[in-house]
C-alpha atoms as a PDB file:
ATOM      1  CA  MET A   1       0.179   0.180  -0.051  1.00  0.00           C
ATOM      2  CA  LYS A   2       1.173   3.226  -1.045  1.00  0.00           C
ATOM      3  CA  ARG A   3       0.797   5.975   1.987  1.00  0.00           C
ATOM      4  CA  LEU A   4       1.548   9.678   2.129  1.00  0.00           C
ATOM      5  CA  PHE A   5       1.577  11.883   4.699  1.00  0.00           C
ATOM      6  CA  LEU A   6       0.102  15.422   3.582  1.00  0.00           C
ATOM      7  CA  CYS A   7       1.639  18.347   6.302  1.00  0.00           C
ATOM      8  CA  ASP A   8       0.811  22.039   7.131  1.00  0.00           C
ATOM      9  CA  PHE A   9       4.051  24.178   7.286  1.00  0.00           C
ATOM     10  CA  ASP A  10       3.944  27.119  10.063  1.00  0.00           C
ATOM     11  CA  GLY A  11       2.509  26.430  13.116  1.00  0.00           C
ATOM     12  CA  THR A  12       3.156  22.290  12.412  1.00  0.00           C
ATOM     13  CA  ILE A  13       6.365  21.262  11.322  1.00  0.00           C
ATOM     14  CA  SER A  14       7.000  24.558  11.983  1.00  0.00           C
ATOM     15  CA  LEU A  15       7.704  25.584  15.784  1.00  0.00           C
ATOM     16  CA  LYS A  16       5.607  29.532  15.329  1.00  0.00           C
ATOM     17  CA  ASP A  17       3.689  31.130  12.701  1.00  0.00           C
ATOM     18  CA  VAL A  18       6.395  32.577  10.284  1.00  0.00           C
ATOM     19  CA  SER A  19       4.027  34.175   7.572  1.00  0.00           C
ATOM     20  CA  HIS A  20       1.880  36.039  10.379  1.00  0.00           C
ATOM     21  CA  HIS A  21       4.778  37.223  11.937  1.00  0.00           C
ATOM     22  CA  LEU A  22       6.558  37.948   8.564  1.00  0.00           C
ATOM     23  CA  LEU A  23       3.745  39.864   7.582  1.00  0.00           C
ATOM     24  CA  THR A  24       3.748  41.930  10.704  1.00  0.00           C
ATOM     25  CA  THR A  25       7.001  42.835  11.029  1.00  0.00           C
ATOM     26  CA  PHE A  26       7.674  43.741   7.463  1.00  0.00           C
ATOM     27  CA  THR A  27       4.361  45.871   6.738  1.00  0.00           C
ATOM     28  CA  ASN A  28       5.226  47.344  10.512  1.00  0.00           C
ATOM     29  CA  ASP A  29       1.790  45.987  11.480  1.00  0.00           C
ATOM     30  CA  ASN A  30      -0.384  47.840   9.057  1.00  0.00           C
ATOM     31  CA  TRP A  31      -2.222  44.611   8.204  1.00  0.00           C
ATOM     32  CA  GLN A  32      -4.202  44.202  11.181  1.00  0.00           C
ATOM     33  CA  GLU A  33      -7.160  45.454   9.672  1.00  0.00           C
ATOM     34  CA  ILE A  34      -6.486  43.265   6.715  1.00  0.00           C
ATOM     35  CA  GLU A  35      -5.955  40.232   9.506  1.00  0.00           C
ATOM     36  CA  HIS A  36      -9.256  40.851  11.650  1.00  0.00           C
ATOM     37  CA  ASP A  37     -10.937  40.970   7.943  1.00  0.00           C
ATOM     38  CA  PHE A  38      -9.377  37.630   7.211  1.00  0.00           C
ATOM     39  CA  ILE A  39      -9.985  36.450  10.838  1.00  0.00           C
ATOM     40  CA  SER A  40     -13.628  36.939  10.979  1.00  0.00           C
ATOM     41  CA  GLY A  41     -14.261  35.076   7.509  1.00  0.00           C
ATOM     42  CA  ARG A  42     -15.031  38.419   5.322  1.00  0.00           C
ATOM     43  CA  LEU A  43     -11.898  37.607   3.116  1.00  0.00           C
ATOM     44  CA  GLY A  44     -10.079  34.384   2.252  1.00  0.00           C
ATOM     45  CA  SER A  45      -6.111  34.336   2.332  1.00  0.00           C
ATOM     46  CA  LYS A  46      -5.684  34.503  -1.001  1.00  0.00           C
ATOM     47  CA  GLU A  47      -7.175  37.985  -1.354  1.00  0.00           C
ATOM     48  CA  ALA A  48      -5.759  38.935   2.047  1.00  0.00           C
ATOM     49  CA  TYR A  49      -2.358  38.085   0.897  1.00  0.00           C
ATOM     50  CA  GLU A  50      -2.488  39.886  -2.700  1.00  0.00           C
ATOM     51  CA  ARG A  51      -3.663  43.517  -0.463  1.00  0.00           C
ATOM     52  CA  VAL A  52      -0.969  42.553   1.841  1.00  0.00           C
ATOM     53  CA  ALA A  53       1.467  42.242  -0.877  1.00  0.00           C
ATOM     54  CA  ARG A  54       1.238  46.024  -1.876  1.00  0.00           C
ATOM     55  CA  LEU A  55       2.341  46.714   2.140  1.00  0.00           C
ATOM     56  CA  LEU A  56       5.297  44.616   2.104  1.00  0.00           C
ATOM     57  CA  LYS A  57       8.673  46.843   2.923  1.00  0.00           C
ATOM     58  CA  GLY A  58      12.215  45.207   3.199  1.00  0.00           C
ATOM     59  CA  SER A  59      14.658  43.900   0.285  1.00  0.00           C
ATOM     60  CA  TRP A  60      14.116  40.286  -0.540  1.00  0.00           C
ATOM     61  CA  LYS A  61      17.280  39.770   1.215  1.00  0.00           C
ATOM     62  CA  GLU A  62      15.776  40.854   4.140  1.00  0.00           C
ATOM     63  CA  LEU A  63      12.613  38.857   4.612  1.00  0.00           C
ATOM     64  CA  HIS A  64      14.509  35.482   3.494  1.00  0.00           C
ATOM     65  CA  ASP A  65      17.410  36.105   6.622  1.00  0.00           C
ATOM     66  CA  TYR A  66      14.598  36.916   8.876  1.00  0.00           C
ATOM     67  CA  ALA A  67      12.285  33.772   8.252  1.00  0.00           C
ATOM     68  CA  ARG A  68      15.100  31.334   8.350  1.00  0.00           C
ATOM     69  CA  ASP A  69      16.294  32.695  11.773  1.00  0.00           C
ATOM     70  CA  TYR A  70      12.263  33.570  13.101  1.00  0.00           C
ATOM     71  CA  THR A  71      11.888  30.336  14.384  1.00  0.00           C
ATOM     72  CA  GLY A  72      13.224  26.414  13.674  1.00  0.00           C
ATOM     73  CA  LEU A  73      11.070  23.311  13.236  1.00  0.00           C
ATOM     74  CA  ASP A  74       9.459  20.851  15.467  1.00  0.00           C
ATOM     75  CA  PRO A  75      12.329  18.876  17.623  1.00  0.00           C
ATOM     76  CA  TYR A  76      11.420  15.692  16.514  1.00  0.00           C
ATOM     77  CA  PHE A  77      10.021  16.247  12.624  1.00  0.00           C
ATOM     78  CA  GLN A  78      13.792  15.199  10.742  1.00  0.00           C
ATOM     79  CA  GLU A  79      12.913  11.600  12.804  1.00  0.00           C
ATOM     80  CA  PHE A  80       9.777  11.300  12.140  1.00  0.00           C
ATOM     81  CA  TYR A  81      10.625  12.065   8.258  1.00  0.00           C
ATOM     82  CA  HIS A  82      13.257   9.812   8.137  1.00  0.00           C
ATOM     83  CA  LEU A  83      11.075   6.813   9.903  1.00  0.00           C
ATOM     84  CA  CYS A  84       8.937   7.559   7.221  1.00  0.00           C
ATOM     85  CA  LYS A  85      11.506   7.419   4.186  1.00  0.00           C
ATOM     86  CA  GLU A  86      12.569   4.144   5.650  1.00  0.00           C
ATOM     87  CA  ASN A  87       9.638   2.823   5.605  1.00  0.00           C
ATOM     88  CA  ASP A  88       8.630   3.586   1.979  1.00  0.00           C
ATOM     89  CA  ILE A  89       6.074   6.648   3.149  1.00  0.00           C
ATOM     90  CA  ALA A  90       6.171   9.608   1.152  1.00  0.00           C
ATOM     91  CA  VAL A  91       6.100  12.794   3.054  1.00  0.00           C
ATOM     92  CA  LYS A  92       5.412  16.055   1.557  1.00  0.00           C
ATOM     93  CA  ILE A  93       4.682  19.794   2.630  1.00  0.00           C
ATOM     94  CA  VAL A  94       1.147  21.780   1.694  1.00  0.00           C
ATOM     95  CA  SER A  95       0.999  25.280   3.044  1.00  0.00           C
ATOM     96  CA  ASP A  96      -0.800  28.033   2.719  1.00  0.00           C
ATOM     97  CA  GLY A  97       2.096  30.542   3.761  1.00  0.00           C
ATOM     98  CA  PHE A  98       5.242  31.348   1.252  1.00  0.00           C
ATOM     99  CA  ASP A  99       7.359  29.258  -0.948  1.00  0.00           C
ATOM    100  CA  PHE A 100      10.845  31.303   0.303  1.00  0.00           C
ATOM    101  CA  TYR A 101      10.565  30.494   3.862  1.00  0.00           C
ATOM    102  CA  ILE A 102       9.310  26.741   3.923  1.00  0.00           C
ATOM    103  CA  SER A 103      12.796  26.250   1.613  1.00  0.00           C
ATOM    104  CA  ALA A 104      14.757  28.117   3.663  1.00  0.00           C
ATOM    105  CA  LEU A 105      14.050  26.528   7.108  1.00  0.00           C
ATOM    106  CA  LEU A 106      14.185  23.124   4.736  1.00  0.00           C
ATOM    107  CA  ASP A 107      17.451  24.209   3.825  1.00  0.00           C
ATOM    108  CA  LYS A 108      18.181  24.881   7.210  1.00  0.00           C
ATOM    109  CA  TYR A 109      17.778  21.164   8.447  1.00  0.00           C
ATOM    110  CA  ASN A 110      18.828  19.458   5.527  1.00  0.00           C
ATOM    111  CA  LEU A 111      15.470  18.845   4.200  1.00  0.00           C
ATOM    112  CA  GLY A 112      15.593  20.569   1.281  1.00  0.00           C
ATOM    113  CA  GLU A 113      14.571  17.362  -0.785  1.00  0.00           C
ATOM    114  CA  ILE A 114      10.986  17.490   0.789  1.00  0.00           C
ATOM    115  CA  GLU A 115       8.271  18.094  -2.122  1.00  0.00           C
ATOM    116  CA  PHE A 116       6.002  21.055  -1.084  1.00  0.00           C
ATOM    117  CA  PHE A 117       3.163  22.854  -2.095  1.00  0.00           C
ATOM    118  CA  SER A 118       2.469  26.452  -1.582  1.00  0.00           C
ATOM    119  CA  ASN A 119       1.995  30.253  -2.224  1.00  0.00           C
ATOM    120  CA  GLN A 120       4.541  31.771  -4.057  1.00  0.00           C
ATOM    121  CA  LEU A 121       5.954  35.393  -2.920  1.00  0.00           C
ATOM    122  CA  ILE A 122       7.724  37.391  -6.152  1.00  0.00           C
ATOM    123  CA  SER A 123      10.538  40.191  -5.881  1.00  0.00           C
ATOM    124  CA  LYS A 124       9.297  42.503  -8.571  1.00  0.00           C
ATOM    125  CA  PRO A 125      12.437  44.143 -10.878  1.00  0.00           C
ATOM    126  CA  GLU A 126      11.161  47.524 -10.561  1.00  0.00           C
ATOM    127  CA  GLY A 127      10.818  47.068  -6.691  1.00  0.00           C
ATOM    128  CA  GLY A 128       8.298  45.913  -4.010  1.00  0.00           C
ATOM    129  CA  PHE A 129       6.710  42.124  -4.351  1.00  0.00           C
ATOM    130  CA  ASP A 130       3.444  40.248  -6.260  1.00  0.00           C
ATOM    131  CA  MET A 131       2.096  37.039  -4.824  1.00  0.00           C
ATOM    132  CA  LYS A 132       0.991  33.942  -6.951  1.00  0.00           C
ATOM    133  CA  PHE A 133      -1.212  31.373  -5.944  1.00  0.00           C
ATOM    134  CA  PRO A 134      -0.368  28.244  -8.504  1.00  0.00           C
ATOM    135  CA  TYR A 135      -2.577  25.795  -5.761  1.00  0.00           C
ATOM    136  CA  TYR A 136      -5.882  28.476  -5.757  1.00  0.00           C
ATOM    137  CA  ASN A 137      -9.269  26.302  -6.410  1.00  0.00           C
ATOM    138  CA  PRO A 138     -11.932  29.092  -6.118  1.00  0.00           C
ATOM    139  CA  GLU A 139     -14.780  25.620  -5.777  1.00  0.00           C
ATOM    140  CA  CYS A 140     -13.311  24.521  -2.913  1.00  0.00           C
ATOM    141  CA  CYS A 141     -12.581  27.578  -0.802  1.00  0.00           C
ATOM    142  CA  LEU A 142     -10.995  30.942  -0.601  1.00  0.00           C
ATOM    143  CA  SER A 143      -7.131  29.943   0.718  1.00  0.00           C
ATOM    144  CA  GLY A 144      -4.354  30.714  -1.742  1.00  0.00           C
ATOM    145  CA  THR A 145      -3.590  26.879  -1.535  1.00  0.00           C
ATOM    146  CA  CYS A 146      -6.542  25.154  -1.419  1.00  0.00           C
ATOM    147  CA  LYS A 147      -4.964  22.046   0.196  1.00  0.00           C
ATOM    148  CA  GLY A 148      -8.085  19.837  -0.354  1.00  0.00           C
ATOM    149  CA  SER A 149      -7.480  20.020  -3.695  1.00  0.00           C
ATOM    150  CA  VAL A 150      -4.342  19.136  -3.310  1.00  0.00           C
ATOM    151  CA  VAL A 151      -5.766  15.438  -1.524  1.00  0.00           C
ATOM    152  CA  SER A 152      -7.389  14.894  -4.347  1.00  0.00           C
ATOM    153  CA  ASP A 153      -4.954  15.601  -6.861  1.00  0.00           C
ATOM    154  CA  PHE A 154      -2.787  12.960  -5.365  1.00  0.00           C
ATOM    155  CA  ARG A 155      -5.645  10.624  -4.945  1.00  0.00           C
ATOM    156  CA  GLN A 156      -4.342   8.289  -7.938  1.00  0.00           C
ATOM    157  CA  THR A 157      -1.558   8.146  -6.756  1.00  0.00           C
ATOM    158  CA  TYR A 158      -1.552   6.840  -3.193  1.00  0.00           C
ATOM    159  CA  ASP A 159      -3.927   3.921  -1.623  1.00  0.00           C
ATOM    160  CA  HIS A 160      -3.822   6.119   2.109  1.00  0.00           C
ATOM    161  CA  ILE A 161      -3.349   9.925   2.778  1.00  0.00           C
ATOM    162  CA  SER A 162      -2.817  10.881   6.277  1.00  0.00           C
ATOM    163  CA  PHE A 163      -3.265  14.781   6.758  1.00  0.00           C
ATOM    164  CA  VAL A 164      -1.560  16.398   9.975  1.00  0.00           C
ATOM    165  CA  GLY A 165      -2.232  20.378  10.516  1.00  0.00           C
ATOM    166  CA  ASN A 166      -3.271  22.991  13.403  1.00  0.00           C
ATOM    167  CA  GLY A 167      -5.184  25.587  11.548  1.00  0.00           C
ATOM    168  CA  ILE A 168      -8.364  26.926   9.610  1.00  0.00           C
ATOM    169  CA  SER A 169      -6.600  26.389   5.887  1.00  0.00           C
ATOM    170  CA  ASP A 170      -5.902  22.637   6.872  1.00  0.00           C
ATOM    171  CA  ARG A 171      -9.739  21.912   7.474  1.00  0.00           C
ATOM    172  CA  CYS A 172     -10.921  21.046   3.408  1.00  0.00           C
ATOM    173  CA  GLY A 173      -7.938  19.348   3.344  1.00  0.00           C
ATOM    174  CA  ALA A 174      -8.323  17.044   6.319  1.00  0.00           C
ATOM    175  CA  SER A 175     -12.121  16.233   5.448  1.00  0.00           C
ATOM    176  CA  ARG A 176     -10.057  14.859   2.144  1.00  0.00           C
ATOM    177  CA  ALA A 177      -7.597  12.629   4.175  1.00  0.00           C
ATOM    178  CA  ASP A 178      -7.803   8.751   5.158  1.00  0.00           C
ATOM    179  CA  THR A 179      -6.654   9.707   8.691  1.00  0.00           C
ATOM    180  CA  ILE A 180      -6.703  13.099  10.149  1.00  0.00           C
ATOM    181  CA  PHE A 181      -3.515  14.243  12.684  1.00  0.00           C
ATOM    182  CA  ALA A 182      -5.066  17.085  14.176  1.00  0.00           C
ATOM    183  CA  LYS A 183      -3.954  19.981  16.772  1.00  0.00           C
ATOM    184  CA  GLY A 184      -5.765  23.240  17.774  1.00  0.00           C
ATOM    185  CA  VAL A 185      -8.207  25.421  15.499  1.00  0.00           C
ATOM    186  CA  LEU A 186      -8.275  21.959  13.287  1.00  0.00           C
ATOM    187  CA  TYR A 187      -8.806  19.599  16.398  1.00  0.00           C
ATOM    188  CA  GLN A 188     -11.803  21.910  17.352  1.00  0.00           C
ATOM    189  CA  TYR A 189     -13.058  21.640  13.603  1.00  0.00           C
ATOM    190  CA  CYS A 190     -12.846  17.700  13.197  1.00  0.00           C
ATOM    191  CA  GLN A 191     -14.591  17.856  16.979  1.00  0.00           C
ATOM    192  CA  LYS A 192     -17.338  20.099  15.966  1.00  0.00           C
ATOM    193  CA  LYS A 193     -17.290  18.027  12.394  1.00  0.00           C
ATOM    194  CA  GLY A 194     -17.408  14.658  14.204  1.00  0.00           C
ATOM    195  CA  LEU A 195     -13.900  13.900  11.919  1.00  0.00           C
ATOM    196  CA  ASP A 196     -12.383  11.181  13.342  1.00  0.00           C
ATOM    197  CA  CYS A 197      -8.323  12.311  14.286  1.00  0.00           C
ATOM    198  CA  PHE A 198      -5.897  11.698  16.148  1.00  0.00           C
ATOM    199  CA  GLN A 199      -5.056  14.940  19.095  1.00  0.00           C
ATOM    200  CA  TRP A 200      -1.450  15.458  18.884  1.00  0.00           C
ATOM    201  CA  GLU A 201       1.369  18.092  20.203  1.00  0.00           C
ATOM    202  CA  SER A 202       4.376  17.460  19.206  1.00  0.00           C
ATOM    203  CA  PHE A 203       5.615  15.070  16.206  1.00  0.00           C
ATOM    204  CA  LEU A 204       6.382  12.552  18.779  1.00  0.00           C
ATOM    205  CA  ASP A 205       3.222  11.802  19.033  1.00  0.00           C
ATOM    206  CA  ILE A 206       2.989  11.162  15.728  1.00  0.00           C
ATOM    207  CA  ILE A 207       6.051   8.612  15.598  1.00  0.00           C
ATOM    208  CA  ASN A 208       4.671   6.469  17.897  1.00  0.00           C
ATOM    209  CA  ILE A 209       1.109   5.846  16.477  1.00  0.00           C
ATOM    210  CA  LEU A 210       3.512   5.267  13.596  1.00  0.00           C
ATOM    211  CA  LYS A 211       5.401   2.779  14.995  1.00  0.00           C
ATOM    212  CA  HIS A 212       2.634   1.316  16.398  1.00  0.00           C
ATOM    213  CA  GLU A 213       0.855   0.676  13.389  1.00  0.00           C
ATOM    214  CA  LEU A 214       4.154  -0.567  10.846  1.00  0.00           C
ATOM    215  CA  SER A 215       4.775  -3.058  14.759  1.00  0.00           C
ATOM    216  CA  GLN A 216       1.266  -4.433  13.312  1.00  0.00           C
ATOM    217  CA  LYS A 217       2.474  -5.475  10.192  1.00  0.00           C
END
């Protein structure tokens, strides 16, 4: 059986929400009104990010360096990844954040080989930034990256898909997965919708569950 773990990044693999703090820092906190509309549900993340792009200040290097140094990864994620790799279980990342900091942090931990799907931040030649959303699906949700669509796209390749997440943008992805590992807002959503899930706090919890499953084979 071909298995896949699809993992959210911000606050799931990374210890802190890189996107939120990076946007707050490089807009001088001027995106609070946009953030409020997003949290209240009046805006999807795609539209919110498009508005924020106009407010971003700083150089590409400053953003990159900040993202790389701001936080680390869950201390057990590397062990989890290598356990999966040893057992021919695929691990990929699906994020409603941005490619440049995911890449920077994965490289920092020698995990650059992991494939990921995310929004893209583009540095314009004339200055300023633009954003692209290659995994946007307005027929499903208002997130820049539709995680449910990414899950569905992998159905022809994998027999069993597990989803690991913690936030609002994880809901459609988790609801289409075979197994859900949830914490935070995602766990609350699963409880409300009656979706079976494993509650977790660190990747050590997932390692222990996975080792138990593998031992039963």
